[in-house]
């Protein structure tokens, strides 16, 4: 088992930046992927960005060029740097770990982009 805890959400104006953080409660294995998902009111949860244990990243088309995912293996952390934020980025953001066929989720952190 592993617990994931997100932080860094909040209220930001359009065009602003924010960084989300997620810390795992234990060391993450060598073969895994860590991801950020988001869910807006009335919508399905969607993948925002993913990073593999080897550092390969992929992004949703809607955030390419604006968001960047990174990880610090030594600290068991994953980050999501979000720039040029838009109102449509408003959602609850969830950290996800996929490891040995199992999915683990954090509790989510709210991002609101509004003037």
C-alpha atoms as a PDB file:
ATOM      1  CA  UNK A   1       0.000   0.000   0.000  1.00  0.00           C
ATOM      2  CA  UNK A   2       0.973   3.603  -0.473  1.00  0.00           C
ATOM      3  CA  UNK A   3      -0.613   6.898   0.414  1.00  0.00           C
ATOM      4  CA  UNK A   4      -0.377   9.857  -1.929  1.00  0.00           C
ATOM      5  CA  UNK A   5      -0.842  13.393  -0.651  1.00  0.00           C
ATOM      6  CA  UNK A   6      -1.256  16.338  -2.992  1.00  0.00           C
ATOM      7  CA  UNK A   7      -0.661  19.985  -2.179  1.00  0.00           C
ATOM      8  CA  UNK A   8      -0.347  23.323  -3.918  1.00  0.00           C
ATOM      9  CA  UNK A   9      -3.836  23.920  -5.231  1.00  0.00           C
ATOM     10  CA  UNK A  10      -5.633  27.208  -4.842  1.00  0.00           C
ATOM     11  CA  UNK A  11      -7.093  30.208  -6.607  1.00  0.00           C
ATOM     12  CA  UNK A  12      -5.093  31.776  -9.427  1.00  0.00           C
ATOM     13  CA  UNK A  13      -5.893  34.356 -12.068  1.00  0.00           C
ATOM     14  CA  UNK A  14      -5.977  33.470 -15.768  1.00  0.00           C
ATOM     15  CA  UNK A  15      -2.473  33.529 -17.190  1.00  0.00           C
ATOM     16  CA  UNK A  16      -0.961  32.719 -13.827  1.00  0.00           C
ATOM     17  CA  UNK A  17       1.187  29.818 -12.704  1.00  0.00           C
ATOM     18  CA  UNK A  18       1.042  27.240  -9.955  1.00  0.00           C
ATOM     19  CA  UNK A  19       2.909  24.115  -8.991  1.00  0.00           C
ATOM     20  CA  UNK A  20       1.249  21.033  -7.568  1.00  0.00           C
ATOM     21  CA  UNK A  21       3.168  18.544  -5.473  1.00  0.00           C
ATOM     22  CA  UNK A  22       2.473  14.942  -4.547  1.00  0.00           C
ATOM     23  CA  UNK A  23       4.391  12.919  -2.007  1.00  0.00           C
ATOM     24  CA  UNK A  24       4.220   9.160  -1.626  1.00  0.00           C
ATOM     25  CA  UNK A  25       4.367   7.523   1.798  1.00  0.00           C
ATOM     26  CA  UNK A  26       7.065   5.085   0.772  1.00  0.00           C
ATOM     27  CA  UNK A  27       9.741   4.524  -1.801  1.00  0.00           C
ATOM     28  CA  UNK A  28       8.314   3.942  -5.242  1.00  0.00           C
ATOM     29  CA  UNK A  29       9.522   0.915  -7.158  1.00  0.00           C
ATOM     30  CA  UNK A  30      11.580   1.048 -10.317  1.00  0.00           C
ATOM     31  CA  UNK A  31       8.806   0.110 -12.751  1.00  0.00           C
ATOM     32  CA  UNK A  32       5.906   2.476 -12.454  1.00  0.00           C
ATOM     33  CA  UNK A  33       4.259   5.576 -13.763  1.00  0.00           C
ATOM     34  CA  UNK A  34       3.142   8.620 -11.871  1.00  0.00           C
ATOM     35  CA  UNK A  35       0.443  10.825 -13.257  1.00  0.00           C
ATOM     36  CA  UNK A  36      -1.769  13.798 -12.660  1.00  0.00           C
ATOM     37  CA  UNK A  37      -5.448  13.548 -13.481  1.00  0.00           C
ATOM     38  CA  UNK A  38      -8.155  16.156 -13.102  1.00  0.00           C
ATOM     39  CA  UNK A  39     -11.887  16.189 -12.778  1.00  0.00           C
ATOM     40  CA  UNK A  40     -14.044  19.216 -13.402  1.00  0.00           C
ATOM     41  CA  UNK A  41     -17.625  19.435 -12.123  1.00  0.00           C
ATOM     42  CA  UNK A  42     -19.922  17.298 -14.236  1.00  0.00           C
ATOM     43  CA  UNK A  43     -17.071  15.819 -16.238  1.00  0.00           C
ATOM     44  CA  UNK A  44     -15.138  12.581 -16.216  1.00  0.00           C
ATOM     45  CA  UNK A  45     -11.711  12.341 -14.704  1.00  0.00           C
ATOM     46  CA  UNK A  46      -9.069  12.835 -17.376  1.00  0.00           C
ATOM     47  CA  UNK A  47      -5.349  12.285 -17.660  1.00  0.00           C
ATOM     48  CA  UNK A  48      -3.345  15.498 -17.604  1.00  0.00           C
ATOM     49  CA  UNK A  49       0.244  14.289 -17.595  1.00  0.00           C
ATOM     50  CA  UNK A  50       2.218  11.129 -16.947  1.00  0.00           C
ATOM     51  CA  UNK A  51       5.855  10.382 -16.265  1.00  0.00           C
ATOM     52  CA  UNK A  52       7.372   6.933 -16.327  1.00  0.00           C
ATOM     53  CA  UNK A  53      10.102   5.640 -14.060  1.00  0.00           C
ATOM     54  CA  UNK A  54      12.527   6.217 -16.934  1.00  0.00           C
ATOM     55  CA  UNK A  55      11.412   9.823 -17.273  1.00  0.00           C
ATOM     56  CA  UNK A  56       9.294   9.548 -20.392  1.00  0.00           C
ATOM     57  CA  UNK A  57       6.453  12.064 -20.287  1.00  0.00           C
ATOM     58  CA  UNK A  58       3.193  12.490 -22.099  1.00  0.00           C
ATOM     59  CA  UNK A  59       0.520  15.152 -21.865  1.00  0.00           C
ATOM     60  CA  UNK A  60      -3.065  15.787 -22.738  1.00  0.00           C
ATOM     61  CA  UNK A  61      -3.323  17.949 -25.850  1.00  0.00           C
ATOM     62  CA  UNK A  62      -5.095  20.638 -23.855  1.00  0.00           C
ATOM     63  CA  UNK A  63      -2.057  21.241 -21.626  1.00  0.00           C
ATOM     64  CA  UNK A  64       0.870  20.631 -23.971  1.00  0.00           C
ATOM     65  CA  UNK A  65       3.304  23.501 -23.873  1.00  0.00           C
ATOM     66  CA  UNK A  66       1.789  24.892 -20.675  1.00  0.00           C
ATOM     67  CA  UNK A  67       2.202  22.120 -18.085  1.00  0.00           C
ATOM     68  CA  UNK A  68       5.277  20.160 -17.125  1.00  0.00           C
ATOM     69  CA  UNK A  69       5.434  17.020 -15.005  1.00  0.00           C
ATOM     70  CA  UNK A  70       8.569  16.046 -13.140  1.00  0.00           C
ATOM     71  CA  UNK A  71       9.571  13.714 -10.370  1.00  0.00           C
ATOM     72  CA  UNK A  72      12.135  13.501  -7.608  1.00  0.00           C
ATOM     73  CA  UNK A  73      12.675   9.820  -6.999  1.00  0.00           C
ATOM     74  CA  UNK A  74      14.837  10.359  -3.933  1.00  0.00           C
ATOM     75  CA  UNK A  75      12.025  12.317  -2.256  1.00  0.00           C
ATOM     76  CA  UNK A  76       9.203  10.110  -3.589  1.00  0.00           C
ATOM     77  CA  UNK A  77       7.600  13.158  -5.119  1.00  0.00           C
ATOM     78  CA  UNK A  78       5.999  14.187  -8.379  1.00  0.00           C
ATOM     79  CA  UNK A  79       5.250  17.733  -9.456  1.00  0.00           C
ATOM     80  CA  UNK A  80       3.045  19.473 -11.963  1.00  0.00           C
ATOM     81  CA  UNK A  81       4.167  22.917 -13.035  1.00  0.00           C
ATOM     82  CA  UNK A  82       1.228  24.744 -14.595  1.00  0.00           C
ATOM     83  CA  UNK A  83       1.727  27.926 -16.583  1.00  0.00           C
ATOM     84  CA  UNK A  84      -0.569  30.126 -18.650  1.00  0.00           C
ATOM     85  CA  UNK A  85      -3.522  28.836 -16.693  1.00  0.00           C
ATOM     86  CA  UNK A  86      -6.992  29.113 -18.177  1.00  0.00           C
ATOM     87  CA  UNK A  87     -10.427  29.032 -16.549  1.00  0.00           C
ATOM     88  CA  UNK A  88     -11.006  25.652 -18.196  1.00  0.00           C
ATOM     89  CA  UNK A  89      -8.130  24.247 -16.133  1.00  0.00           C
ATOM     90  CA  UNK A  90     -10.344  24.581 -13.066  1.00  0.00           C
ATOM     91  CA  UNK A  91     -10.743  21.132 -11.532  1.00  0.00           C
ATOM     92  CA  UNK A  92      -9.751  18.863  -8.714  1.00  0.00           C
ATOM     93  CA  UNK A  93      -6.310  17.500  -9.505  1.00  0.00           C
ATOM     94  CA  UNK A  94      -5.401  13.989  -8.430  1.00  0.00           C
ATOM     95  CA  UNK A  95      -2.053  12.324  -8.122  1.00  0.00           C
ATOM     96  CA  UNK A  96      -1.886   8.740  -9.368  1.00  0.00           C
ATOM     97  CA  UNK A  97       0.654   5.976  -9.033  1.00  0.00           C
ATOM     98  CA  UNK A  98       0.472   2.916 -11.250  1.00  0.00           C
ATOM     99  CA  UNK A  99       2.686   0.187  -9.830  1.00  0.00           C
ATOM    100  CA  UNK A 100       2.679  -3.564 -10.433  1.00  0.00           C
ATOM    101  CA  UNK A 101      -0.817  -3.482 -11.882  1.00  0.00           C
ATOM    102  CA  UNK A 102      -2.360  -1.433  -9.086  1.00  0.00           C
ATOM    103  CA  UNK A 103      -3.609   2.135  -9.128  1.00  0.00           C
ATOM    104  CA  UNK A 104      -3.233   4.410  -6.135  1.00  0.00           C
ATOM    105  CA  UNK A 105      -4.879   7.808  -5.788  1.00  0.00           C
ATOM    106  CA  UNK A 106      -4.459  10.862  -3.662  1.00  0.00           C
ATOM    107  CA  UNK A 107      -7.362  12.748  -2.171  1.00  0.00           C
ATOM    108  CA  UNK A 108      -7.135  15.581  -4.699  1.00  0.00           C
ATOM    109  CA  UNK A 109      -6.387  19.275  -4.552  1.00  0.00           C
ATOM    110  CA  UNK A 110      -8.634  21.999  -5.944  1.00  0.00           C
ATOM    111  CA  UNK A 111      -7.401  24.409  -8.591  1.00  0.00           C
ATOM    112  CA  UNK A 112      -9.599  27.345  -9.473  1.00  0.00           C
ATOM    113  CA  UNK A 113      -8.609  29.686 -12.276  1.00  0.00           C
ATOM    114  CA  UNK A 114     -10.687  32.827 -12.108  1.00  0.00           C
ATOM    115  CA  UNK A 115     -10.358  36.583 -12.136  1.00  0.00           C
END
